[in-house]
């Protein structure tokens, strides 16, 4: 009997063992190695073993003006992108969650940016943002701006121009998540609400939003983590410029690690990024526990 009970307990872990081995080699061990390197320094070059310097990298980090600039840019990215990606896709999901002729084409159109490679999207948007691009040509045609707007070459516009691409790329993805939640809500609830006088958009306020609360929390956390890890858009469109105005933490890690070859300092910056993402995850868990689930 003991052997049978022990086998029953160990069987699930045996199925998980291959995945745990792969995760240990590709995720857990590199993460621990990066944590160790953040407290070391390479004295001469990367071929020599690093030496232990304690909190020296973190102390340097506190005095690094570029790091604080990238941290502020990342927080601006977070505040600017997440609210839009939480609310607008929900409205799109409500619009396409209808039985109308050709509605599947609208769903496909909204989802198309998701399947486009970020490299292709970044190059296309960089052309749209150029001085002679489509956006500036439209502004000139409408007599709104004779010289056009320096979307990617001005510190005032560069970060927000990149944010717009992130929003455009993510709308369809989060719309599909909301659409799955909307289709799980029984139609009887809306019919009962219509009898009680809750119709039109009011029914979404009374029924849809309360029942979609778990999906709202999920999208908020996923979009927040994605916003803190943004890299491809910045690399392709601005490379952090002009004057570090669009440089984010992840791009700063890349710059320090692979351009300046300061691996230890890059790991220290990555440690701050890890703590930021961990904080967002903890906040999400706290909010999820405080929210009372609604049973259908």
C-alpha atoms as a PDB file:
ATOM      1  CA  UNK A   1       0.000   0.000   0.000  1.00  0.00           C
ATOM      2  CA  UNK A   2       2.816   2.403   0.812  1.00  0.00           C
ATOM      3  CA  UNK A   3       4.470   1.762  -2.513  1.00  0.00           C
ATOM      4  CA  UNK A   4       1.209   2.380  -4.360  1.00  0.00           C
ATOM      5  CA  UNK A   5       0.607   5.662  -2.531  1.00  0.00           C
ATOM      6  CA  UNK A   6       4.200   6.750  -3.100  1.00  0.00           C
ATOM      7  CA  UNK A   7       3.941   5.928  -6.804  1.00  0.00           C
ATOM      8  CA  UNK A   8       0.702   7.889  -7.084  1.00  0.00           C
ATOM      9  CA  UNK A   9       2.382  10.910  -5.517  1.00  0.00           C
ATOM     10  CA  UNK A  10       5.503  10.697  -7.656  1.00  0.00           C
ATOM     11  CA  UNK A  11       3.775  10.045 -10.983  1.00  0.00           C
ATOM     12  CA  UNK A  12       2.801  13.700 -11.661  1.00  0.00           C
ATOM     13  CA  UNK A  13       6.355  14.855 -10.899  1.00  0.00           C
ATOM     14  CA  UNK A  14       7.777  12.274 -13.296  1.00  0.00           C
ATOM     15  CA  UNK A  15       5.646  13.750 -16.064  1.00  0.00           C
ATOM     16  CA  UNK A  16       6.866  17.233 -15.111  1.00  0.00           C
ATOM     17  CA  UNK A  17      10.509  16.180 -14.877  1.00  0.00           C
ATOM     18  CA  UNK A  18      11.455  16.701 -18.578  1.00  0.00           C
ATOM     19  CA  UNK A  19       9.989  20.208 -18.576  1.00  0.00           C
ATOM     20  CA  UNK A  20      11.702  21.007 -15.266  1.00  0.00           C
ATOM     21  CA  UNK A  21      15.060  19.863 -16.652  1.00  0.00           C
ATOM     22  CA  UNK A  22      14.669  22.086 -19.729  1.00  0.00           C
ATOM     23  CA  UNK A  23      13.557  25.055 -17.614  1.00  0.00           C
ATOM     24  CA  UNK A  24      16.460  24.525 -15.227  1.00  0.00           C
ATOM     25  CA  UNK A  25      18.992  24.604 -18.051  1.00  0.00           C
ATOM     26  CA  UNK A  26      17.452  27.474 -20.030  1.00  0.00           C
ATOM     27  CA  UNK A  27      15.796  29.679 -17.378  1.00  0.00           C
ATOM     28  CA  UNK A  28      16.636  28.953 -13.751  1.00  0.00           C
ATOM     29  CA  UNK A  29      20.406  28.446 -14.045  1.00  0.00           C
ATOM     30  CA  UNK A  30      20.965  31.482 -16.332  1.00  0.00           C
ATOM     31  CA  UNK A  31      18.856  33.598 -13.956  1.00  0.00           C
ATOM     32  CA  UNK A  32      20.959  32.533 -10.959  1.00  0.00           C
ATOM     33  CA  UNK A  33      24.130  33.122 -12.958  1.00  0.00           C
ATOM     34  CA  UNK A  34      22.976  36.633 -13.902  1.00  0.00           C
ATOM     35  CA  UNK A  35      22.136  37.325 -10.248  1.00  0.00           C
ATOM     36  CA  UNK A  36      25.665  36.281  -9.250  1.00  0.00           C
ATOM     37  CA  UNK A  37      27.292  38.338 -12.013  1.00  0.00           C
ATOM     38  CA  UNK A  38      25.472  41.477 -10.851  1.00  0.00           C
ATOM     39  CA  UNK A  39      27.758  41.424  -7.784  1.00  0.00           C
ATOM     40  CA  UNK A  40      30.972  40.883  -9.740  1.00  0.00           C
ATOM     41  CA  UNK A  41      33.158  42.716 -12.263  1.00  0.00           C
ATOM     42  CA  UNK A  42      35.313  41.552 -15.133  1.00  0.00           C
ATOM     43  CA  UNK A  43      38.730  43.027 -14.434  1.00  0.00           C
ATOM     44  CA  UNK A  44      40.306  42.747 -17.895  1.00  0.00           C
ATOM     45  CA  UNK A  45      38.117  40.959 -20.438  1.00  0.00           C
ATOM     46  CA  UNK A  46      35.312  38.419 -20.619  1.00  0.00           C
ATOM     47  CA  UNK A  47      37.726  35.509 -20.994  1.00  0.00           C
ATOM     48  CA  UNK A  48      38.914  35.919 -17.406  1.00  0.00           C
ATOM     49  CA  UNK A  49      36.788  34.904 -14.407  1.00  0.00           C
ATOM     50  CA  UNK A  50      34.968  37.824 -12.731  1.00  0.00           C
ATOM     51  CA  UNK A  51      35.943  39.113  -9.319  1.00  0.00           C
ATOM     52  CA  UNK A  52      33.518  39.717  -6.457  1.00  0.00           C
ATOM     53  CA  UNK A  53      32.805  43.411  -5.829  1.00  0.00           C
ATOM     54  CA  UNK A  54      29.661  43.187  -3.700  1.00  0.00           C
ATOM     55  CA  UNK A  55      27.238  46.061  -4.144  1.00  0.00           C
ATOM     56  CA  UNK A  56      29.597  48.190  -6.245  1.00  0.00           C
ATOM     57  CA  UNK A  57      27.500  47.810  -9.402  1.00  0.00           C
ATOM     58  CA  UNK A  58      24.337  48.766  -7.552  1.00  0.00           C
ATOM     59  CA  UNK A  59      26.047  51.833  -6.104  1.00  0.00           C
ATOM     60  CA  UNK A  60      27.173  52.833  -9.580  1.00  0.00           C
ATOM     61  CA  UNK A  61      23.626  52.261 -10.768  1.00  0.00           C
ATOM     62  CA  UNK A  62      22.260  54.800  -8.308  1.00  0.00           C
ATOM     63  CA  UNK A  63      24.574  57.459  -9.758  1.00  0.00           C
ATOM     64  CA  UNK A  64      23.917  56.554 -13.392  1.00  0.00           C
ATOM     65  CA  UNK A  65      21.839  59.323 -14.993  1.00  0.00           C
ATOM     66  CA  UNK A  66      21.161  57.247 -18.114  1.00  0.00           C
ATOM     67  CA  UNK A  67      19.768  54.419 -15.982  1.00  0.00           C
ATOM     68  CA  UNK A  68      17.335  56.768 -14.242  1.00  0.00           C
ATOM     69  CA  UNK A  69      16.353  58.176 -17.629  1.00  0.00           C
ATOM     70  CA  UNK A  70      15.620  54.686 -18.931  1.00  0.00           C
ATOM     71  CA  UNK A  71      13.687  53.844 -15.763  1.00  0.00           C
ATOM     72  CA  UNK A  72      11.521  56.946 -16.181  1.00  0.00           C
ATOM     73  CA  UNK A  73      10.974  56.105 -19.854  1.00  0.00           C
ATOM     74  CA  UNK A  74       9.922  52.579 -18.896  1.00  0.00           C
ATOM     75  CA  UNK A  75       7.454  53.894 -16.308  1.00  0.00           C
ATOM     76  CA  UNK A  76       6.041  56.361 -18.853  1.00  0.00           C
ATOM     77  CA  UNK A  77       5.696  53.460 -21.272  1.00  0.00           C
ATOM     78  CA  UNK A  78       3.902  51.495 -18.581  1.00  0.00           C
ATOM     79  CA  UNK A  79       1.483  54.275 -17.686  1.00  0.00           C
ATOM     80  CA  UNK A  80       0.805  55.226 -21.305  1.00  0.00           C
ATOM     81  CA  UNK A  81       0.364  51.787 -22.861  1.00  0.00           C
ATOM     82  CA  UNK A  82      -1.349  49.647 -20.224  1.00  0.00           C
ATOM     83  CA  UNK A  83      -4.586  51.669 -19.718  1.00  0.00           C
ATOM     84  CA  UNK A  84      -5.181  51.746 -23.475  1.00  0.00           C
ATOM     85  CA  UNK A  85      -4.488  48.032 -23.910  1.00  0.00           C
ATOM     86  CA  UNK A  86      -6.845  47.213 -21.034  1.00  0.00           C
ATOM     87  CA  UNK A  87      -9.813  49.293 -22.202  1.00  0.00           C
ATOM     88  CA  UNK A  88      -9.746  49.635 -25.998  1.00  0.00           C
ATOM     89  CA  UNK A  89      -9.494  45.887 -26.798  1.00  0.00           C
ATOM     90  CA  UNK A  90     -12.513  45.281 -24.563  1.00  0.00           C
ATOM     91  CA  UNK A  91     -14.537  47.715 -26.663  1.00  0.00           C
ATOM     92  CA  UNK A  92     -13.311  46.041 -29.845  1.00  0.00           C
ATOM     93  CA  UNK A  93     -14.230  42.620 -28.457  1.00  0.00           C
ATOM     94  CA  UNK A  94     -17.744  43.833 -27.653  1.00  0.00           C
ATOM     95  CA  UNK A  95     -18.114  45.215 -31.180  1.00  0.00           C
ATOM     96  CA  UNK A  96     -16.979  42.024 -32.933  1.00  0.00           C
ATOM     97  CA  UNK A  97     -18.851  39.704 -30.555  1.00  0.00           C
ATOM     98  CA  UNK A  98     -21.948  39.896 -32.721  1.00  0.00           C
ATOM     99  CA  UNK A  99     -23.543  37.581 -35.229  1.00  0.00           C
ATOM    100  CA  UNK A 100     -23.430  39.742 -38.359  1.00  0.00           C
ATOM    101  CA  UNK A 101     -22.487  38.982 -41.968  1.00  0.00           C
ATOM    102  CA  UNK A 102     -18.748  39.335 -42.539  1.00  0.00           C
ATOM    103  CA  UNK A 103     -17.920  39.814 -38.850  1.00  0.00           C
ATOM    104  CA  UNK A 104     -15.117  37.241 -39.064  1.00  0.00           C
ATOM    105  CA  UNK A 105     -13.357  39.535 -41.535  1.00  0.00           C
ATOM    106  CA  UNK A 106     -13.363  42.335 -38.982  1.00  0.00           C
ATOM    107  CA  UNK A 107     -11.927  39.976 -36.365  1.00  0.00           C
ATOM    108  CA  UNK A 108      -9.199  38.935 -38.771  1.00  0.00           C
ATOM    109  CA  UNK A 109      -8.428  42.572 -39.630  1.00  0.00           C
ATOM    110  CA  UNK A 110      -8.029  43.528 -35.973  1.00  0.00           C
ATOM    111  CA  UNK A 111      -5.857  40.484 -35.309  1.00  0.00           C
ATOM    112  CA  UNK A 112      -3.606  40.890 -38.369  1.00  0.00           C
ATOM    113  CA  UNK A 113      -1.037  43.172 -36.627  1.00  0.00           C
ATOM    114  CA  UNK A 114      -0.425  40.428 -34.046  1.00  0.00           C
ATOM    115  CA  UNK A 115       0.852  37.945 -36.631  1.00  0.00           C
ATOM    116  CA  UNK A 116       3.055  40.524 -38.371  1.00  0.00           C
ATOM    117  CA  UNK A 117       6.697  40.306 -37.343  1.00  0.00           C
ATOM    118  CA  UNK A 118       7.828  43.189 -35.166  1.00  0.00           C
ATOM    119  CA  UNK A 119      10.787  43.683 -37.505  1.00  0.00           C
ATOM    120  CA  UNK A 120       8.456  44.168 -40.459  1.00  0.00           C
ATOM    121  CA  UNK A 121       6.087  46.343 -38.418  1.00  0.00           C
ATOM    122  CA  UNK A 122       8.938  48.485 -37.092  1.00  0.00           C
ATOM    123  CA  UNK A 123      10.364  49.099 -40.560  1.00  0.00           C
ATOM    124  CA  UNK A 124       6.916  49.936 -41.940  1.00  0.00           C
ATOM    125  CA  UNK A 125       6.136  52.361 -39.127  1.00  0.00           C
ATOM    126  CA  UNK A 126       9.562  53.943 -39.405  1.00  0.00           C
ATOM    127  CA  UNK A 127       8.735  54.709 -43.023  1.00  0.00           C
ATOM    128  CA  UNK A 128       5.322  56.085 -42.011  1.00  0.00           C
ATOM    129  CA  UNK A 129       7.010  58.316 -39.403  1.00  0.00           C
ATOM    130  CA  UNK A 130       9.735  59.596 -41.746  1.00  0.00           C
ATOM    131  CA  UNK A 131       9.902  63.203 -42.867  1.00  0.00           C
ATOM    132  CA  UNK A 132       8.423  62.298 -46.257  1.00  0.00           C
ATOM    133  CA  UNK A 133       6.286  59.479 -44.890  1.00  0.00           C
ATOM    134  CA  UNK A 134       2.557  59.013 -45.197  1.00  0.00           C
ATOM    135  CA  UNK A 135       1.670  60.669 -41.878  1.00  0.00           C
ATOM    136  CA  UNK A 136       3.530  63.892 -42.628  1.00  0.00           C
ATOM    137  CA  UNK A 137       2.169  63.922 -46.170  1.00  0.00           C
ATOM    138  CA  UNK A 138      -1.352  63.716 -44.763  1.00  0.00           C
ATOM    139  CA  UNK A 139      -0.618  66.555 -42.363  1.00  0.00           C
ATOM    140  CA  UNK A 140       0.637  68.698 -45.239  1.00  0.00           C
ATOM    141  CA  UNK A 141      -2.328  67.785 -47.425  1.00  0.00           C
ATOM    142  CA  UNK A 142      -4.718  68.824 -44.646  1.00  0.00           C
ATOM    143  CA  UNK A 143      -2.714  72.029 -44.013  1.00  0.00           C
ATOM    144  CA  UNK A 144      -2.132  70.975 -40.405  1.00  0.00           C
ATOM    145  CA  UNK A 145       1.672  71.195 -40.580  1.00  0.00           C
ATOM    146  CA  UNK A 146       3.840  72.563 -43.376  1.00  0.00           C
ATOM    147  CA  UNK A 147       7.119  71.078 -42.155  1.00  0.00           C
ATOM    148  CA  UNK A 148       5.679  67.877 -40.723  1.00  0.00           C
ATOM    149  CA  UNK A 149       6.310  66.382 -37.289  1.00  0.00           C
ATOM    150  CA  UNK A 150       9.684  64.827 -36.360  1.00  0.00           C
ATOM    151  CA  UNK A 151       8.073  61.678 -34.969  1.00  0.00           C
ATOM    152  CA  UNK A 152      11.281  59.725 -34.367  1.00  0.00           C
ATOM    153  CA  UNK A 153      13.918  62.474 -34.391  1.00  0.00           C
ATOM    154  CA  UNK A 154      12.550  64.714 -31.653  1.00  0.00           C
ATOM    155  CA  UNK A 155      12.911  63.896 -27.935  1.00  0.00           C
ATOM    156  CA  UNK A 156       9.347  65.132 -27.436  1.00  0.00           C
ATOM    157  CA  UNK A 157       7.748  62.639 -29.818  1.00  0.00           C
ATOM    158  CA  UNK A 158      10.093  59.641 -30.123  1.00  0.00           C
ATOM    159  CA  UNK A 159       8.954  57.680 -27.069  1.00  0.00           C
ATOM    160  CA  UNK A 160       5.255  58.250 -27.742  1.00  0.00           C
ATOM    161  CA  UNK A 161       5.679  57.296 -31.394  1.00  0.00           C
ATOM    162  CA  UNK A 162       7.161  53.965 -30.350  1.00  0.00           C
ATOM    163  CA  UNK A 163       4.373  53.510 -27.799  1.00  0.00           C
ATOM    164  CA  UNK A 164       1.806  53.885 -30.570  1.00  0.00           C
ATOM    165  CA  UNK A 165       3.353  50.937 -32.420  1.00  0.00           C
ATOM    166  CA  UNK A 166       3.206  48.775 -29.282  1.00  0.00           C
ATOM    167  CA  UNK A 167      -0.469  49.649 -28.842  1.00  0.00           C
ATOM    168  CA  UNK A 168      -1.259  48.964 -32.515  1.00  0.00           C
ATOM    169  CA  UNK A 169       0.522  45.608 -32.320  1.00  0.00           C
ATOM    170  CA  UNK A 170      -1.212  44.451 -29.131  1.00  0.00           C
ATOM    171  CA  UNK A 171      -4.830  45.483 -29.675  1.00  0.00           C
ATOM    172  CA  UNK A 172      -5.810  42.332 -31.559  1.00  0.00           C
ATOM    173  CA  UNK A 173      -4.083  39.976 -29.125  1.00  0.00           C
ATOM    174  CA  UNK A 174      -5.888  41.297 -26.065  1.00  0.00           C
ATOM    175  CA  UNK A 175      -9.128  41.570 -28.039  1.00  0.00           C
ATOM    176  CA  UNK A 176      -9.047  37.788 -28.559  1.00  0.00           C
ATOM    177  CA  UNK A 177      -8.593  37.241 -24.812  1.00  0.00           C
ATOM    178  CA  UNK A 178     -11.605  39.419 -24.080  1.00  0.00           C
ATOM    179  CA  UNK A 179     -13.581  37.774 -26.872  1.00  0.00           C
ATOM    180  CA  UNK A 180     -13.074  34.369 -25.247  1.00  0.00           C
ATOM    181  CA  UNK A 181     -14.412  35.776 -21.989  1.00  0.00           C
ATOM    182  CA  UNK A 182     -17.401  37.449 -23.629  1.00  0.00           C
ATOM    183  CA  UNK A 183     -18.453  34.246 -25.366  1.00  0.00           C
ATOM    184  CA  UNK A 184     -18.516  32.438 -22.025  1.00  0.00           C
ATOM    185  CA  UNK A 185     -21.192  34.804 -20.645  1.00  0.00           C
ATOM    186  CA  UNK A 186     -24.698  33.316 -21.030  1.00  0.00           C
ATOM    187  CA  UNK A 187     -27.050  35.327 -23.235  1.00  0.00           C
ATOM    188  CA  UNK A 188     -29.802  34.795 -20.646  1.00  0.00           C
ATOM    189  CA  UNK A 189     -28.164  37.349 -18.378  1.00  0.00           C
ATOM    190  CA  UNK A 190     -28.434  40.071 -21.011  1.00  0.00           C
ATOM    191  CA  UNK A 191     -32.051  39.134 -21.711  1.00  0.00           C
ATOM    192  CA  UNK A 192     -32.886  39.371 -18.009  1.00  0.00           C
ATOM    193  CA  UNK A 193     -31.072  42.706 -17.798  1.00  0.00           C
ATOM    194  CA  UNK A 194     -33.068  44.023 -20.770  1.00  0.00           C
ATOM    195  CA  UNK A 195     -36.298  43.151 -18.941  1.00  0.00           C
ATOM    196  CA  UNK A 196     -35.060  45.130 -15.934  1.00  0.00           C
ATOM    197  CA  UNK A 197     -34.354  48.133 -18.162  1.00  0.00           C
ATOM    198  CA  UNK A 198     -30.603  47.670 -18.563  1.00  0.00           C
ATOM    199  CA  UNK A 199     -30.060  47.804 -22.312  1.00  0.00           C
ATOM    200  CA  UNK A 200     -27.573  49.236 -24.785  1.00  0.00           C
ATOM    201  CA  UNK A 201     -24.190  50.066 -23.315  1.00  0.00           C
ATOM    202  CA  UNK A 202     -25.660  50.069 -19.815  1.00  0.00           C
ATOM    203  CA  UNK A 203     -25.878  46.260 -19.897  1.00  0.00           C
ATOM    204  CA  UNK A 204     -22.127  46.066 -20.421  1.00  0.00           C
ATOM    205  CA  UNK A 205     -21.560  48.241 -17.385  1.00  0.00           C
ATOM    206  CA  UNK A 206     -23.925  46.125 -15.268  1.00  0.00           C
ATOM    207  CA  UNK A 207     -23.040  42.646 -16.551  1.00  0.00           C
ATOM    208  CA  UNK A 208     -20.049  42.519 -18.879  1.00  0.00           C
ATOM    209  CA  UNK A 209     -17.484  44.418 -16.830  1.00  0.00           C
ATOM    210  CA  UNK A 210     -18.173  42.610 -13.497  1.00  0.00           C
ATOM    211  CA  UNK A 211     -18.018  39.208 -15.180  1.00  0.00           C
ATOM    212  CA  UNK A 212     -14.933  40.165 -17.184  1.00  0.00           C
ATOM    213  CA  UNK A 213     -12.983  41.288 -14.114  1.00  0.00           C
ATOM    214  CA  UNK A 214     -10.599  38.269 -14.109  1.00  0.00           C
ATOM    215  CA  UNK A 215      -9.818  38.915 -17.769  1.00  0.00           C
ATOM    216  CA  UNK A 216      -9.236  42.607 -17.052  1.00  0.00           C
ATOM    217  CA  UNK A 217      -6.718  41.721 -14.338  1.00  0.00           C
ATOM    218  CA  UNK A 218      -5.036  39.213 -16.646  1.00  0.00           C
ATOM    219  CA  UNK A 219      -4.694  41.681 -19.515  1.00  0.00           C
ATOM    220  CA  UNK A 220      -3.465  44.397 -17.142  1.00  0.00           C
ATOM    221  CA  UNK A 221      -0.647  42.204 -15.842  1.00  0.00           C
ATOM    222  CA  UNK A 222       0.355  40.768 -19.228  1.00  0.00           C
ATOM    223  CA  UNK A 223       0.392  44.173 -20.898  1.00  0.00           C
ATOM    224  CA  UNK A 224       2.290  45.722 -17.978  1.00  0.00           C
ATOM    225  CA  UNK A 225       5.000  43.065 -18.078  1.00  0.00           C
ATOM    226  CA  UNK A 226       5.226  43.387 -21.868  1.00  0.00           C
ATOM    227  CA  UNK A 227       5.534  47.165 -21.592  1.00  0.00           C
ATOM    228  CA  UNK A 228       8.432  46.886 -19.132  1.00  0.00           C
ATOM    229  CA  UNK A 229      10.231  44.444 -21.452  1.00  0.00           C
ATOM    230  CA  UNK A 230       9.781  46.352 -24.721  1.00  0.00           C
ATOM    231  CA  UNK A 231      12.868  46.099 -26.923  1.00  0.00           C
ATOM    232  CA  UNK A 232      12.218  45.327 -30.602  1.00  0.00           C
ATOM    233  CA  UNK A 233      10.333  48.541 -31.330  1.00  0.00           C
ATOM    234  CA  UNK A 234      13.031  50.685 -29.760  1.00  0.00           C
ATOM    235  CA  UNK A 235      15.874  48.812 -31.458  1.00  0.00           C
ATOM    236  CA  UNK A 236      14.349  48.955 -34.932  1.00  0.00           C
ATOM    237  CA  UNK A 237      12.866  52.445 -34.900  1.00  0.00           C
ATOM    238  CA  UNK A 238      15.032  54.706 -32.703  1.00  0.00           C
ATOM    239  CA  UNK A 239      17.813  52.665 -31.026  1.00  0.00           C
ATOM    240  CA  UNK A 240      17.113  54.623 -27.864  1.00  0.00           C
ATOM    241  CA  UNK A 241      17.501  58.057 -29.397  1.00  0.00           C
ATOM    242  CA  UNK A 242      17.445  60.902 -29.775  1.00  0.00           C
ATOM    243  CA  UNK A 243      19.434  61.731 -26.633  1.00  0.00           C
ATOM    244  CA  UNK A 244      18.172  58.630 -24.778  1.00  0.00           C
ATOM    245  CA  UNK A 245      14.598  59.915 -24.995  1.00  0.00           C
ATOM    246  CA  UNK A 246      13.193  56.535 -26.077  1.00  0.00           C
ATOM    247  CA  UNK A 247      15.664  54.227 -24.367  1.00  0.00           C
ATOM    248  CA  UNK A 248      14.079  51.634 -22.045  1.00  0.00           C
ATOM    249  CA  UNK A 249      15.601  49.401 -19.380  1.00  0.00           C
ATOM    250  CA  UNK A 250      15.746  46.330 -21.612  1.00  0.00           C
ATOM    251  CA  UNK A 251      17.470  48.272 -24.377  1.00  0.00           C
ATOM    252  CA  UNK A 252      19.926  49.649 -21.808  1.00  0.00           C
ATOM    253  CA  UNK A 253      20.704  46.085 -20.697  1.00  0.00           C
ATOM    254  CA  UNK A 254      21.363  45.142 -24.316  1.00  0.00           C
ATOM    255  CA  UNK A 255      23.519  48.215 -24.848  1.00  0.00           C
ATOM    256  CA  UNK A 256      25.655  47.589 -21.788  1.00  0.00           C
ATOM    257  CA  UNK A 257      25.991  43.845 -22.353  1.00  0.00           C
ATOM    258  CA  UNK A 258      26.576  43.570 -26.111  1.00  0.00           C
ATOM    259  CA  UNK A 259      27.850  46.997 -27.153  1.00  0.00           C
ATOM    260  CA  UNK A 260      29.905  48.114 -24.149  1.00  0.00           C
ATOM    261  CA  UNK A 261      30.616  44.503 -23.029  1.00  0.00           C
ATOM    262  CA  UNK A 262      29.912  45.421 -19.398  1.00  0.00           C
ATOM    263  CA  UNK A 263      28.212  42.131 -18.577  1.00  0.00           C
ATOM    264  CA  UNK A 264      28.209  42.523 -14.811  1.00  0.00           C
ATOM    265  CA  UNK A 265      26.737  46.002 -14.919  1.00  0.00           C
ATOM    266  CA  UNK A 266      24.116  44.817 -17.434  1.00  0.00           C
ATOM    267  CA  UNK A 267      23.161  42.034 -15.008  1.00  0.00           C
ATOM    268  CA  UNK A 268      22.754  44.640 -12.257  1.00  0.00           C
ATOM    269  CA  UNK A 269      20.380  46.621 -14.486  1.00  0.00           C
ATOM    270  CA  UNK A 270      18.570  43.383 -15.305  1.00  0.00           C
ATOM    271  CA  UNK A 271      18.182  42.725 -11.580  1.00  0.00           C
ATOM    272  CA  UNK A 272      16.284  46.001 -11.236  1.00  0.00           C
ATOM    273  CA  UNK A 273      14.085  44.983 -14.157  1.00  0.00           C
ATOM    274  CA  UNK A 274      13.408  41.636 -12.467  1.00  0.00           C
ATOM    275  CA  UNK A 275      12.361  43.373  -9.255  1.00  0.00           C
ATOM    276  CA  UNK A 276      10.060  45.677 -11.217  1.00  0.00           C
ATOM    277  CA  UNK A 277       8.350  42.769 -12.984  1.00  0.00           C
ATOM    278  CA  UNK A 278       8.149  40.847  -9.712  1.00  0.00           C
ATOM    279  CA  UNK A 279       6.422  43.823  -8.075  1.00  0.00           C
ATOM    280  CA  UNK A 280       3.852  43.944 -10.872  1.00  0.00           C
ATOM    281  CA  UNK A 281       3.182  40.226 -10.448  1.00  0.00           C
ATOM    282  CA  UNK A 282       2.741  40.585  -6.676  1.00  0.00           C
ATOM    283  CA  UNK A 283       0.318  43.475  -7.169  1.00  0.00           C
ATOM    284  CA  UNK A 284      -1.659  41.360  -9.596  1.00  0.00           C
ATOM    285  CA  UNK A 285      -1.891  38.475  -7.100  1.00  0.00           C
ATOM    286  CA  UNK A 286      -3.018  40.845  -4.347  1.00  0.00           C
ATOM    287  CA  UNK A 287      -5.706  42.371  -6.540  1.00  0.00           C
ATOM    288  CA  UNK A 288      -6.817  38.948  -7.694  1.00  0.00           C
ATOM    289  CA  UNK A 289      -7.268  37.752  -4.113  1.00  0.00           C
ATOM    290  CA  UNK A 290      -9.206  40.853  -3.132  1.00  0.00           C
ATOM    291  CA  UNK A 291     -11.547  40.522  -6.111  1.00  0.00           C
ATOM    292  CA  UNK A 292     -14.513  38.260  -5.433  1.00  0.00           C
ATOM    293  CA  UNK A 293     -15.117  35.900  -8.369  1.00  0.00           C
ATOM    294  CA  UNK A 294     -18.525  36.006  -9.965  1.00  0.00           C
ATOM    295  CA  UNK A 295     -20.119  32.615 -10.576  1.00  0.00           C
ATOM    296  CA  UNK A 296     -22.206  32.163 -13.692  1.00  0.00           C
END
